[in-house]
N, C-alpha and C. Protein backbone atom coordinates (compact mmCIF):
# COMPACT_ATOMS: atom_id res chain seq x y z
N MET A 1 75.45 103.98 107.05
CA MET A 1 76.12 104.83 108.02
C MET A 1 77.46 104.21 108.37
N ASP A 2 78.47 105.04 108.44
CA ASP A 2 79.82 104.59 108.78
C ASP A 2 80.01 104.76 110.29
N PHE A 3 79.87 103.65 111.02
CA PHE A 3 79.97 103.71 112.47
C PHE A 3 81.36 104.11 112.94
N ALA A 4 82.39 103.78 112.20
CA ALA A 4 83.75 104.11 112.61
C ALA A 4 83.99 105.61 112.65
N SER A 5 83.19 106.37 111.90
CA SER A 5 83.42 107.81 111.86
C SER A 5 82.56 108.58 112.87
N THR A 6 81.67 107.90 113.57
CA THR A 6 80.84 108.59 114.56
C THR A 6 81.67 108.92 115.79
N PRO A 7 81.38 110.05 116.43
CA PRO A 7 82.16 110.43 117.62
C PRO A 7 82.12 109.36 118.71
N GLN A 8 81.01 108.67 118.87
CA GLN A 8 80.89 107.66 119.91
C GLN A 8 81.81 106.46 119.65
N ALA A 9 82.14 106.22 118.41
CA ALA A 9 82.94 105.05 118.06
C ALA A 9 84.44 105.31 118.18
N LYS A 10 84.83 106.55 118.27
CA LYS A 10 86.26 106.87 118.36
C LYS A 10 86.73 106.65 119.79
N GLN A 11 87.83 105.93 119.90
CA GLN A 11 88.36 105.66 121.23
C GLN A 11 89.36 106.75 121.59
N THR A 12 89.12 107.43 122.71
CA THR A 12 90.02 108.48 123.15
C THR A 12 90.84 108.03 124.35
N ASP A 13 90.50 106.89 124.93
CA ASP A 13 91.23 106.37 126.08
C ASP A 13 92.48 105.66 125.59
N THR A 14 93.64 106.19 125.97
CA THR A 14 94.89 105.61 125.49
C THR A 14 95.59 104.77 126.55
N ARG A 15 94.95 104.54 127.66
CA ARG A 15 95.60 103.75 128.71
C ARG A 15 95.73 102.31 128.26
N THR A 16 96.74 101.65 128.77
CA THR A 16 96.96 100.25 128.45
C THR A 16 96.26 99.39 129.49
N ALA A 17 95.51 98.44 129.02
CA ALA A 17 94.84 97.52 129.93
C ALA A 17 95.87 96.63 130.60
N MET A 18 95.52 96.13 131.77
CA MET A 18 96.41 95.27 132.55
C MET A 18 95.80 93.88 132.64
N LEU A 19 96.62 92.88 132.40
CA LEU A 19 96.22 91.49 132.63
C LEU A 19 96.88 91.05 133.92
N TYR A 20 96.06 90.72 134.91
CA TYR A 20 96.55 90.24 136.19
C TYR A 20 96.48 88.72 136.21
N LEU A 21 97.61 88.09 136.47
CA LEU A 21 97.71 86.64 136.56
C LEU A 21 98.06 86.28 137.99
N ILE A 22 97.62 85.09 138.42
CA ILE A 22 97.89 84.67 139.79
C ILE A 22 98.39 83.24 139.80
N CYS A 23 99.46 83.03 140.54
CA CYS A 23 100.08 81.72 140.67
C CYS A 23 100.09 81.35 142.16
N GLY A 24 99.72 80.13 142.46
CA GLY A 24 99.74 79.65 143.84
C GLY A 24 99.04 78.32 143.93
N LYS A 25 99.42 77.54 144.88
CA LYS A 25 98.82 76.21 145.04
C LYS A 25 97.36 76.32 145.45
N ILE A 26 96.67 75.20 145.45
CA ILE A 26 95.28 75.14 145.87
C ILE A 26 95.17 75.71 147.28
N ALA A 27 94.20 76.59 147.50
CA ALA A 27 93.90 77.23 148.79
C ALA A 27 94.98 78.21 149.24
N ALA A 28 95.79 78.69 148.31
CA ALA A 28 96.79 79.71 148.64
C ALA A 28 96.16 81.08 148.82
N GLY A 29 94.93 81.25 148.35
CA GLY A 29 94.25 82.54 148.45
C GLY A 29 94.11 83.25 147.12
N LYS A 30 94.25 82.51 146.02
CA LYS A 30 94.20 83.12 144.69
C LYS A 30 92.87 83.82 144.41
N SER A 31 91.76 83.16 144.71
CA SER A 31 90.45 83.75 144.41
C SER A 31 90.18 84.98 145.25
N THR A 32 90.56 84.94 146.52
CA THR A 32 90.38 86.10 147.40
C THR A 32 91.22 87.27 146.89
N PHE A 33 92.46 86.99 146.51
CA PHE A 33 93.33 88.03 145.98
C PHE A 33 92.80 88.57 144.66
N ALA A 34 92.32 87.67 143.80
CA ALA A 34 91.76 88.08 142.51
C ALA A 34 90.58 89.02 142.71
N LYS A 35 89.72 88.70 143.65
CA LYS A 35 88.56 89.56 143.92
C LYS A 35 89.02 90.95 144.33
N GLN A 36 90.05 91.03 145.17
CA GLN A 36 90.57 92.34 145.59
C GLN A 36 91.13 93.12 144.40
N LEU A 37 91.89 92.45 143.56
CA LEU A 37 92.44 93.12 142.38
C LEU A 37 91.33 93.64 141.46
N SER A 38 90.24 92.89 141.36
CA SER A 38 89.17 93.25 140.42
C SER A 38 88.34 94.43 140.89
N GLU A 39 88.56 94.90 142.09
CA GLU A 39 87.80 96.05 142.60
C GLU A 39 88.30 97.38 142.04
N GLN A 40 89.33 97.35 141.22
CA GLN A 40 89.84 98.55 140.59
C GLN A 40 88.89 98.99 139.47
N PRO A 41 88.88 100.27 139.14
CA PRO A 41 88.02 100.74 138.04
C PRO A 41 88.37 100.06 136.72
N GLU A 42 87.37 99.87 135.90
CA GLU A 42 87.51 99.32 134.54
C GLU A 42 88.26 98.00 134.53
N THR A 43 87.95 97.15 135.51
CA THR A 43 88.61 95.86 135.66
C THR A 43 87.55 94.79 135.87
N VAL A 44 87.68 93.68 135.15
CA VAL A 44 86.74 92.57 135.30
C VAL A 44 87.48 91.34 135.81
N LEU A 45 86.74 90.53 136.53
CA LEU A 45 87.25 89.28 137.08
C LEU A 45 86.68 88.13 136.26
N ILE A 46 87.55 87.22 135.84
CA ILE A 46 87.11 86.01 135.15
C ILE A 46 87.62 84.83 135.96
N SER A 47 86.69 84.05 136.50
CA SER A 47 87.02 82.96 137.41
C SER A 47 86.90 81.60 136.73
N GLU A 48 88.00 80.89 136.67
CA GLU A 48 87.99 79.55 136.10
C GLU A 48 87.04 78.63 136.87
N ASP A 49 87.09 78.67 138.20
CA ASP A 49 86.22 77.79 139.00
C ASP A 49 84.75 78.03 138.69
N PHE A 50 84.35 79.30 138.56
CA PHE A 50 82.96 79.60 138.24
C PHE A 50 82.57 78.98 136.90
N TRP A 51 83.40 79.23 135.88
CA TRP A 51 83.07 78.73 134.55
C TRP A 51 83.12 77.21 134.47
N LEU A 52 84.11 76.59 135.10
CA LEU A 52 84.18 75.13 135.08
C LEU A 52 82.97 74.51 135.78
N ALA A 53 82.60 75.06 136.94
CA ALA A 53 81.44 74.53 137.68
C ALA A 53 80.16 74.73 136.89
N SER A 54 80.06 75.85 136.16
CA SER A 54 78.85 76.14 135.38
C SER A 54 78.75 75.29 134.12
N LEU A 55 79.87 75.12 133.43
CA LEU A 55 79.87 74.41 132.15
C LEU A 55 80.00 72.90 132.27
N TYR A 56 80.64 72.44 133.35
CA TYR A 56 80.91 71.01 133.51
C TYR A 56 80.46 70.51 134.88
N PRO A 57 79.20 70.73 135.25
CA PRO A 57 78.77 70.32 136.59
C PRO A 57 78.90 68.81 136.78
N GLY A 58 79.57 68.43 137.88
CA GLY A 58 79.74 67.03 138.21
C GLY A 58 80.68 66.26 137.31
N GLN A 59 81.37 66.94 136.41
CA GLN A 59 82.23 66.24 135.44
C GLN A 59 83.72 66.31 135.76
N ILE A 60 84.08 67.01 136.83
CA ILE A 60 85.50 67.15 137.15
C ILE A 60 85.78 66.40 138.45
N ALA A 61 86.26 65.16 138.29
CA ALA A 61 86.53 64.31 139.45
C ALA A 61 87.99 63.88 139.53
N SER A 62 88.79 64.25 138.52
CA SER A 62 90.19 63.81 138.50
C SER A 62 91.05 64.90 137.88
N LEU A 63 92.35 64.72 138.00
CA LEU A 63 93.28 65.66 137.39
C LEU A 63 93.09 65.68 135.87
N GLU A 64 92.84 64.53 135.29
CA GLU A 64 92.62 64.45 133.85
C GLU A 64 91.38 65.21 133.43
N ASP A 65 90.30 65.07 134.22
CA ASP A 65 89.07 65.81 133.94
C ASP A 65 89.33 67.31 133.99
N TYR A 66 90.03 67.74 135.04
CA TYR A 66 90.34 69.15 135.18
C TYR A 66 91.16 69.63 133.98
N ALA A 67 92.20 68.89 133.62
CA ALA A 67 93.07 69.30 132.52
C ALA A 67 92.29 69.44 131.22
N ARG A 68 91.41 68.48 130.95
CA ARG A 68 90.61 68.50 129.72
C ARG A 68 89.66 69.69 129.71
N CYS A 69 88.90 69.83 130.77
CA CYS A 69 87.90 70.91 130.83
C CYS A 69 88.55 72.28 130.88
N SER A 70 89.63 72.40 131.61
CA SER A 70 90.34 73.68 131.69
C SER A 70 90.91 74.08 130.34
N ALA A 71 91.46 73.11 129.60
CA ALA A 71 92.00 73.41 128.26
C ALA A 71 90.89 73.89 127.33
N GLN A 72 89.73 73.25 127.39
CA GLN A 72 88.60 73.67 126.56
C GLN A 72 88.16 75.09 126.92
N LEU A 73 88.09 75.36 128.22
CA LEU A 73 87.68 76.69 128.68
C LEU A 73 88.68 77.74 128.23
N ARG A 74 89.96 77.48 128.38
CA ARG A 74 90.98 78.44 127.97
C ARG A 74 90.89 78.73 126.47
N ALA A 75 90.71 77.68 125.67
CA ALA A 75 90.60 77.87 124.22
C ALA A 75 89.38 78.73 123.87
N ALA A 76 88.27 78.49 124.54
CA ALA A 76 87.05 79.25 124.27
C ALA A 76 87.15 80.70 124.75
N MET A 77 87.80 80.92 125.88
CA MET A 77 87.85 82.24 126.50
C MET A 77 88.94 83.15 125.93
N ALA A 78 89.98 82.59 125.35
CA ALA A 78 91.14 83.38 124.92
C ALA A 78 90.75 84.55 124.01
N PRO A 79 89.96 84.34 122.95
CA PRO A 79 89.62 85.49 122.10
C PRO A 79 88.83 86.57 122.85
N HIS A 80 87.96 86.15 123.75
CA HIS A 80 87.17 87.10 124.54
C HIS A 80 88.06 87.92 125.47
N ILE A 81 88.98 87.25 126.15
CA ILE A 81 89.89 87.94 127.06
C ILE A 81 90.76 88.92 126.28
N ALA A 82 91.30 88.49 125.14
CA ALA A 82 92.12 89.38 124.33
C ALA A 82 91.31 90.58 123.86
N ALA A 83 90.05 90.37 123.49
CA ALA A 83 89.20 91.48 123.03
C ALA A 83 88.95 92.48 124.16
N LEU A 84 88.70 91.98 125.36
CA LEU A 84 88.52 92.88 126.51
C LEU A 84 89.77 93.74 126.72
N LEU A 85 90.92 93.10 126.70
CA LEU A 85 92.17 93.82 126.90
C LEU A 85 92.41 94.83 125.79
N GLN A 86 92.14 94.45 124.55
CA GLN A 86 92.33 95.36 123.42
C GLN A 86 91.36 96.54 123.50
N ALA A 87 90.22 96.34 124.15
CA ALA A 87 89.24 97.42 124.32
C ALA A 87 89.59 98.33 125.50
N GLY A 88 90.67 98.02 126.20
CA GLY A 88 91.10 98.87 127.31
C GLY A 88 90.58 98.44 128.66
N VAL A 89 89.95 97.28 128.74
CA VAL A 89 89.43 96.77 130.00
C VAL A 89 90.48 95.87 130.63
N SER A 90 90.85 96.14 131.86
CA SER A 90 91.79 95.28 132.56
C SER A 90 91.09 94.01 133.00
N VAL A 91 91.83 92.91 133.03
CA VAL A 91 91.26 91.60 133.35
C VAL A 91 92.08 90.95 134.45
N VAL A 92 91.37 90.48 135.48
CA VAL A 92 91.98 89.65 136.51
C VAL A 92 91.58 88.22 136.18
N LEU A 93 92.58 87.40 135.85
CA LEU A 93 92.32 86.00 135.54
C LEU A 93 92.49 85.18 136.80
N ASP A 94 91.37 84.72 137.33
CA ASP A 94 91.42 83.80 138.46
C ASP A 94 91.50 82.38 137.89
N PHE A 95 92.55 82.18 137.10
CA PHE A 95 92.93 80.89 136.53
C PHE A 95 94.33 80.64 137.11
N PRO A 96 94.60 79.48 137.64
CA PRO A 96 95.94 79.29 138.21
C PRO A 96 97.03 79.29 137.14
N SER A 97 97.97 80.20 137.27
CA SER A 97 99.12 80.25 136.37
C SER A 97 100.25 79.44 136.99
N ASN A 98 99.98 78.14 137.19
CA ASN A 98 100.83 77.30 138.02
C ASN A 98 101.79 76.40 137.27
N THR A 99 101.72 76.38 135.96
CA THR A 99 102.61 75.52 135.18
C THR A 99 103.20 76.32 134.04
N LEU A 100 104.23 75.78 133.44
CA LEU A 100 104.80 76.45 132.26
C LEU A 100 103.78 76.56 131.15
N ALA A 101 102.95 75.53 130.98
CA ALA A 101 101.95 75.54 129.91
C ALA A 101 100.88 76.60 130.14
N THR A 102 100.39 76.73 131.37
CA THR A 102 99.35 77.74 131.62
C THR A 102 99.93 79.14 131.49
N ARG A 103 101.18 79.31 131.87
CA ARG A 103 101.80 80.63 131.69
C ARG A 103 102.10 80.91 130.22
N ALA A 104 102.38 79.89 129.44
CA ALA A 104 102.58 80.08 127.99
C ALA A 104 101.27 80.57 127.36
N TRP A 105 100.13 80.02 127.82
CA TRP A 105 98.82 80.46 127.34
C TRP A 105 98.63 81.94 127.69
N ALA A 106 98.98 82.31 128.92
CA ALA A 106 98.85 83.71 129.33
C ALA A 106 99.77 84.61 128.51
N ARG A 107 100.96 84.13 128.22
CA ARG A 107 101.91 84.90 127.40
C ARG A 107 101.30 85.19 126.03
N GLU A 108 100.61 84.20 125.45
CA GLU A 108 99.95 84.41 124.15
C GLU A 108 98.89 85.50 124.26
N LEU A 109 98.13 85.53 125.36
CA LEU A 109 97.13 86.59 125.56
C LEU A 109 97.80 87.96 125.61
N ILE A 110 98.90 88.04 126.32
CA ILE A 110 99.63 89.30 126.46
C ILE A 110 100.12 89.77 125.09
N GLU A 111 100.72 88.86 124.34
CA GLU A 111 101.26 89.22 123.03
C GLU A 111 100.16 89.58 122.04
N LYS A 112 99.06 88.84 122.06
CA LYS A 112 97.96 89.11 121.13
C LYS A 112 97.28 90.44 121.43
N SER A 113 97.12 90.75 122.71
CA SER A 113 96.37 91.95 123.09
C SER A 113 97.24 93.19 123.24
N GLY A 114 98.52 93.01 123.47
CA GLY A 114 99.38 94.17 123.73
C GLY A 114 99.23 94.72 125.13
N ALA A 115 98.58 93.97 126.00
CA ALA A 115 98.31 94.44 127.36
C ALA A 115 99.57 94.38 128.22
N ALA A 116 99.58 95.23 129.22
CA ALA A 116 100.59 95.12 130.28
C ALA A 116 100.17 93.95 131.17
N HIS A 117 101.05 93.52 132.05
CA HIS A 117 100.67 92.39 132.90
C HIS A 117 101.42 92.43 134.23
N GLU A 118 100.85 91.70 135.18
CA GLU A 118 101.50 91.40 136.45
C GLU A 118 101.18 89.95 136.77
N LEU A 119 102.19 89.21 137.18
CA LEU A 119 102.01 87.83 137.63
C LEU A 119 102.26 87.80 139.13
N HIS A 120 101.19 87.63 139.88
CA HIS A 120 101.28 87.61 141.34
C HIS A 120 101.48 86.17 141.80
N TYR A 121 102.58 85.93 142.47
CA TYR A 121 102.92 84.60 142.97
C TYR A 121 102.63 84.57 144.47
N LEU A 122 101.58 83.83 144.85
CA LEU A 122 101.22 83.67 146.26
C LEU A 122 101.96 82.45 146.79
N ASP A 123 103.03 82.69 147.49
CA ASP A 123 103.93 81.65 148.00
C ASP A 123 103.49 81.29 149.42
N VAL A 124 102.80 80.17 149.54
CA VAL A 124 102.20 79.74 150.81
C VAL A 124 102.64 78.31 151.10
N ALA A 125 103.06 78.04 152.33
CA ALA A 125 103.48 76.69 152.71
C ALA A 125 102.33 75.70 152.56
N ASP A 126 102.67 74.48 152.21
CA ASP A 126 101.66 73.43 152.03
C ASP A 126 100.78 73.26 153.25
N GLU A 127 101.37 73.32 154.45
CA GLU A 127 100.59 73.12 155.68
C GLU A 127 99.50 74.18 155.82
N LEU A 128 99.83 75.43 155.51
CA LEU A 128 98.84 76.51 155.58
C LEU A 128 97.78 76.33 154.50
N CYS A 129 98.20 75.96 153.30
CA CYS A 129 97.22 75.70 152.23
C CYS A 129 96.25 74.60 152.65
N LYS A 130 96.77 73.53 153.24
CA LYS A 130 95.90 72.42 153.66
C LYS A 130 94.95 72.84 154.77
N ALA A 131 95.40 73.66 155.70
CA ALA A 131 94.51 74.17 156.74
C ALA A 131 93.40 75.02 156.13
N ARG A 132 93.76 75.87 155.18
CA ARG A 132 92.76 76.69 154.49
C ARG A 132 91.81 75.81 153.67
N LEU A 133 92.36 74.76 153.08
CA LEU A 133 91.55 73.84 152.29
C LEU A 133 90.49 73.17 153.15
N HIS A 134 90.86 72.73 154.35
CA HIS A 134 89.89 72.11 155.26
C HIS A 134 88.79 73.10 155.62
N ALA A 135 89.17 74.34 155.91
CA ALA A 135 88.18 75.37 156.25
C ALA A 135 87.28 75.67 155.06
N ARG A 136 87.86 75.74 153.87
CA ARG A 136 87.09 76.01 152.66
C ARG A 136 86.10 74.88 152.39
N ASN A 137 86.55 73.65 152.53
CA ASN A 137 85.66 72.50 152.32
C ASN A 137 84.53 72.51 153.33
N ALA A 138 84.85 72.82 154.58
CA ALA A 138 83.83 72.83 155.65
C ALA A 138 82.79 73.92 155.42
N SER A 139 83.20 75.03 154.81
CA SER A 139 82.26 76.14 154.59
C SER A 139 81.23 75.80 153.52
N GLY A 140 81.59 74.94 152.56
CA GLY A 140 80.69 74.59 151.48
C GLY A 140 80.46 75.70 150.47
N GLU A 141 81.22 76.78 150.56
CA GLU A 141 81.01 77.93 149.68
C GLU A 141 81.77 77.84 148.36
N HIS A 142 82.77 76.98 148.28
CA HIS A 142 83.57 76.86 147.06
C HIS A 142 82.91 75.86 146.13
N PRO A 143 82.96 76.10 144.81
CA PRO A 143 82.28 75.19 143.88
C PRO A 143 82.89 73.78 143.81
N PHE A 144 84.12 73.62 144.29
CA PHE A 144 84.76 72.31 144.26
C PHE A 144 85.29 71.97 145.65
N GLU A 145 85.10 70.73 146.06
CA GLU A 145 85.70 70.25 147.30
C GLU A 145 86.94 69.45 146.92
N THR A 146 88.05 69.78 147.55
CA THR A 146 89.33 69.17 147.22
C THR A 146 89.87 68.43 148.43
N THR A 147 90.32 67.20 148.24
CA THR A 147 90.90 66.41 149.33
C THR A 147 92.40 66.73 149.44
N GLU A 148 92.99 66.31 150.56
CA GLU A 148 94.44 66.48 150.71
C GLU A 148 95.19 65.68 149.65
N ALA A 149 94.68 64.49 149.32
CA ALA A 149 95.33 63.68 148.28
C ALA A 149 95.31 64.41 146.94
N GLN A 150 94.19 65.06 146.62
CA GLN A 150 94.12 65.84 145.39
C GLN A 150 95.06 67.04 145.45
N PHE A 151 95.13 67.68 146.61
CA PHE A 151 96.06 68.79 146.78
C PHE A 151 97.48 68.32 146.48
N ASP A 152 97.87 67.19 147.06
CA ASP A 152 99.22 66.66 146.85
C ASP A 152 99.45 66.31 145.38
N LEU A 153 98.46 65.73 144.72
CA LEU A 153 98.58 65.37 143.31
C LEU A 153 98.77 66.62 142.44
N PHE A 154 97.90 67.60 142.62
CA PHE A 154 97.99 68.83 141.83
C PHE A 154 99.30 69.56 142.11
N SER A 155 99.74 69.53 143.36
CA SER A 155 100.96 70.24 143.75
C SER A 155 102.20 69.66 143.08
N ARG A 156 102.17 68.40 142.71
CA ARG A 156 103.32 67.80 142.01
C ARG A 156 103.56 68.47 140.66
N TYR A 157 102.53 69.07 140.10
CA TYR A 157 102.65 69.73 138.79
C TYR A 157 102.94 71.23 138.90
N PHE A 158 102.93 71.74 140.12
CA PHE A 158 103.16 73.17 140.35
C PHE A 158 104.61 73.53 140.02
N VAL A 159 104.78 74.63 139.28
CA VAL A 159 106.10 75.15 138.95
C VAL A 159 106.08 76.64 139.29
N ALA A 160 106.90 77.04 140.26
CA ALA A 160 106.96 78.45 140.62
C ALA A 160 107.48 79.26 139.43
N PRO A 161 106.96 80.46 139.24
CA PRO A 161 107.40 81.28 138.10
C PRO A 161 108.86 81.71 138.26
N GLN A 162 109.53 81.78 137.13
CA GLN A 162 110.94 82.19 137.09
C GLN A 162 111.07 83.46 136.23
N GLU A 163 111.99 84.30 136.60
CA GLU A 163 112.20 85.54 135.83
C GLU A 163 112.53 85.26 134.38
N SER A 164 113.16 84.11 134.12
CA SER A 164 113.54 83.76 132.74
C SER A 164 112.34 83.58 131.82
N GLU A 165 111.13 83.44 132.41
CA GLU A 165 109.93 83.31 131.59
C GLU A 165 109.47 84.66 131.02
N GLY A 166 110.03 85.76 131.54
CA GLY A 166 109.73 87.08 130.98
C GLY A 166 108.49 87.76 131.56
N PHE A 167 108.00 87.30 132.68
CA PHE A 167 106.84 87.92 133.30
C PHE A 167 107.28 88.96 134.33
N GLN A 168 106.40 89.93 134.56
CA GLN A 168 106.57 90.88 135.65
C GLN A 168 106.02 90.19 136.89
N ILE A 169 106.91 89.56 137.67
CA ILE A 169 106.49 88.74 138.82
C ILE A 169 106.48 89.58 140.08
N ILE A 170 105.37 89.48 140.80
CA ILE A 170 105.26 90.11 142.12
C ILE A 170 105.09 88.96 143.12
N HIS A 171 106.11 88.78 143.95
CA HIS A 171 106.16 87.65 144.88
C HIS A 171 105.56 88.05 146.22
N HIS A 172 104.55 87.29 146.64
CA HIS A 172 103.90 87.51 147.94
C HIS A 172 104.20 86.31 148.83
N GLN A 173 105.06 86.47 149.81
CA GLN A 173 105.35 85.39 150.76
C GLN A 173 104.30 85.50 151.87
N ILE A 174 103.44 84.47 151.97
CA ILE A 174 102.32 84.52 152.92
C ILE A 174 102.56 83.48 154.00
N THR A 175 102.52 83.93 155.25
CA THR A 175 102.81 83.03 156.37
C THR A 175 101.63 82.81 157.30
N GLU A 176 100.53 83.48 157.09
CA GLU A 176 99.35 83.26 157.94
C GLU A 176 98.06 83.48 157.20
């Protein structure tokens, strides 16, 4: 049987899937925003924190650990994410698009899949992020507890997105 010729196998949906990317420091509200974006029809949420905590329990204690595990996760997930987008499913990536390298990875997904995209930049002052971080740690609901020292360390690598990178940037200045 030729499955490609069956009526069920023919794709009639011509809409372009959307890849939603989010940039912001630790505790800027990326996961909360990602969850809101994912409530749209035909949209899935893929959370880096969920996958890292599930695949590498107790193994991420340093920036180096995070970088290694995150790179492995991105390599493993890229074909799946591209396939979802090519199938017409929009994807909200709750992966921080906080460096040139992570945005280059996202650019490859966009080019491979042909998806449209939005890069949401959550611009939040460090003091507010740290206050949110303390509340998040106290709640115990987040899969990772982050110290202020770790926040400061990770923030040194943060690079705000620039128009010259070619992304459709939506800037959210958050003050509370």
